[in-house]
């Protein structure tokens, strides 16, 4: 999967099975190594994680699904 398939605001499922929202795109110094900065939506704290787009899956998410 390409980073372009995950625009900002997209809801995704992480490899751990937790829902998150893409908040930023990050690249290496030479413009390589694309990563998505995601924020978990199932917890009170604003926990963020950098993750490779190939490990993410798009999901439909409703705010009522928050725990």
C-alpha atoms as a PDB file:
ATOM      1  CA  UNK A   1       0.000   0.000   0.000  1.00  0.00           C
ATOM      2  CA  UNK A   2       1.102   3.512  -0.756  1.00  0.00           C
ATOM      3  CA  UNK A   3       0.971   6.410   1.706  1.00  0.00           C
ATOM      4  CA  UNK A   4      -1.328   8.244  -0.744  1.00  0.00           C
ATOM      5  CA  UNK A   5      -4.032   5.663   0.033  1.00  0.00           C
ATOM      6  CA  UNK A   6      -4.194   7.012   3.605  1.00  0.00           C
ATOM      7  CA  UNK A   7      -5.019  10.744   3.478  1.00  0.00           C
ATOM      8  CA  UNK A   8      -5.064  12.704   6.721  1.00  0.00           C
ATOM      9  CA  UNK A   9      -8.121  11.904   8.812  1.00  0.00           C
ATOM     10  CA  UNK A  10      -8.464   8.338   7.523  1.00  0.00           C
ATOM     11  CA  UNK A  11      -9.417   5.737  10.118  1.00  0.00           C
ATOM     12  CA  UNK A  12      -7.228   2.638  10.073  1.00  0.00           C
ATOM     13  CA  UNK A  13      -6.732  -0.606  11.959  1.00  0.00           C
ATOM     14  CA  UNK A  14      -3.203  -1.117  13.307  1.00  0.00           C
ATOM     15  CA  UNK A  15      -1.458  -4.513  13.327  1.00  0.00           C
ATOM     16  CA  UNK A  16      -2.382  -4.802  17.024  1.00  0.00           C
ATOM     17  CA  UNK A  17      -6.065  -4.584  16.109  1.00  0.00           C
ATOM     18  CA  UNK A  18      -6.620  -1.105  17.542  1.00  0.00           C
ATOM     19  CA  UNK A  19      -8.445   1.642  15.624  1.00  0.00           C
ATOM     20  CA  UNK A  20      -6.463   4.802  14.913  1.00  0.00           C
ATOM     21  CA  UNK A  21      -6.662   7.973  12.813  1.00  0.00           C
ATOM     22  CA  UNK A  22      -3.938   9.195  10.435  1.00  0.00           C
ATOM     23  CA  UNK A  23      -2.783  12.625  11.642  1.00  0.00           C
ATOM     24  CA  UNK A  24       0.434  13.198   9.656  1.00  0.00           C
ATOM     25  CA  UNK A  25       2.644  11.785   6.889  1.00  0.00           C
ATOM     26  CA  UNK A  26       6.350  11.453   7.718  1.00  0.00           C
ATOM     27  CA  UNK A  27       9.278  10.795   5.371  1.00  0.00           C
ATOM     28  CA  UNK A  28      12.998  10.191   5.821  1.00  0.00           C
ATOM     29  CA  UNK A  29      15.627  12.887   5.196  1.00  0.00           C
ATOM     30  CA  UNK A  30      15.898  11.960   1.512  1.00  0.00           C
ATOM     31  CA  UNK A  31      12.146  11.753   1.016  1.00  0.00           C
ATOM     32  CA  UNK A  32      12.111   7.997   1.360  1.00  0.00           C
ATOM     33  CA  UNK A  33      10.840   5.725   4.161  1.00  0.00           C
ATOM     34  CA  UNK A  34       7.189   6.861   4.210  1.00  0.00           C
ATOM     35  CA  UNK A  35       5.412   6.499   7.543  1.00  0.00           C
ATOM     36  CA  UNK A  36       1.979   7.427   8.842  1.00  0.00           C
ATOM     37  CA  UNK A  37       1.673   9.058  12.232  1.00  0.00           C
ATOM     38  CA  UNK A  38      -1.513   7.630  13.709  1.00  0.00           C
ATOM     39  CA  UNK A  39      -3.352   8.444  16.923  1.00  0.00           C
ATOM     40  CA  UNK A  40      -5.283   5.721  18.732  1.00  0.00           C
ATOM     41  CA  UNK A  41      -8.970   6.554  19.084  1.00  0.00           C
ATOM     42  CA  UNK A  42      -9.911   3.877  21.619  1.00  0.00           C
ATOM     43  CA  UNK A  43      -8.237   5.434  24.656  1.00  0.00           C
ATOM     44  CA  UNK A  44      -8.361   8.649  26.677  1.00  0.00           C
ATOM     45  CA  UNK A  45      -4.689   9.534  26.185  1.00  0.00           C
ATOM     46  CA  UNK A  46      -3.556  10.825  22.812  1.00  0.00           C
ATOM     47  CA  UNK A  47      -1.116   8.018  22.088  1.00  0.00           C
ATOM     48  CA  UNK A  48       0.616   8.356  18.720  1.00  0.00           C
ATOM     49  CA  UNK A  49       2.543   5.812  16.689  1.00  0.00           C
ATOM     50  CA  UNK A  50       4.652   5.940  13.508  1.00  0.00           C
ATOM     51  CA  UNK A  51       3.863   3.003  11.281  1.00  0.00           C
ATOM     52  CA  UNK A  52       4.575   1.776   7.742  1.00  0.00           C
ATOM     53  CA  UNK A  53       1.502   2.160   5.485  1.00  0.00           C
ATOM     54  CA  UNK A  54       1.719  -1.461   4.309  1.00  0.00           C
ATOM     55  CA  UNK A  55       0.753  -2.617   7.821  1.00  0.00           C
ATOM     56  CA  UNK A  56      -2.410  -0.504   7.974  1.00  0.00           C
ATOM     57  CA  UNK A  57      -5.957  -1.383   6.918  1.00  0.00           C
ATOM     58  CA  UNK A  58      -8.647   1.225   6.175  1.00  0.00           C
ATOM     59  CA  UNK A  59     -11.800   0.950   8.273  1.00  0.00           C
ATOM     60  CA  UNK A  60     -15.118   2.734   8.641  1.00  0.00           C
ATOM     61  CA  UNK A  61     -15.248   4.216  12.142  1.00  0.00           C
ATOM     62  CA  UNK A  62     -18.079   5.791  14.084  1.00  0.00           C
ATOM     63  CA  UNK A  63     -17.405   7.851  17.230  1.00  0.00           C
ATOM     64  CA  UNK A  64     -19.902   5.642  19.052  1.00  0.00           C
ATOM     65  CA  UNK A  65     -17.421   2.754  18.706  1.00  0.00           C
ATOM     66  CA  UNK A  66     -14.986   4.413  21.095  1.00  0.00           C
ATOM     67  CA  UNK A  67     -14.530   2.517  24.337  1.00  0.00           C
END
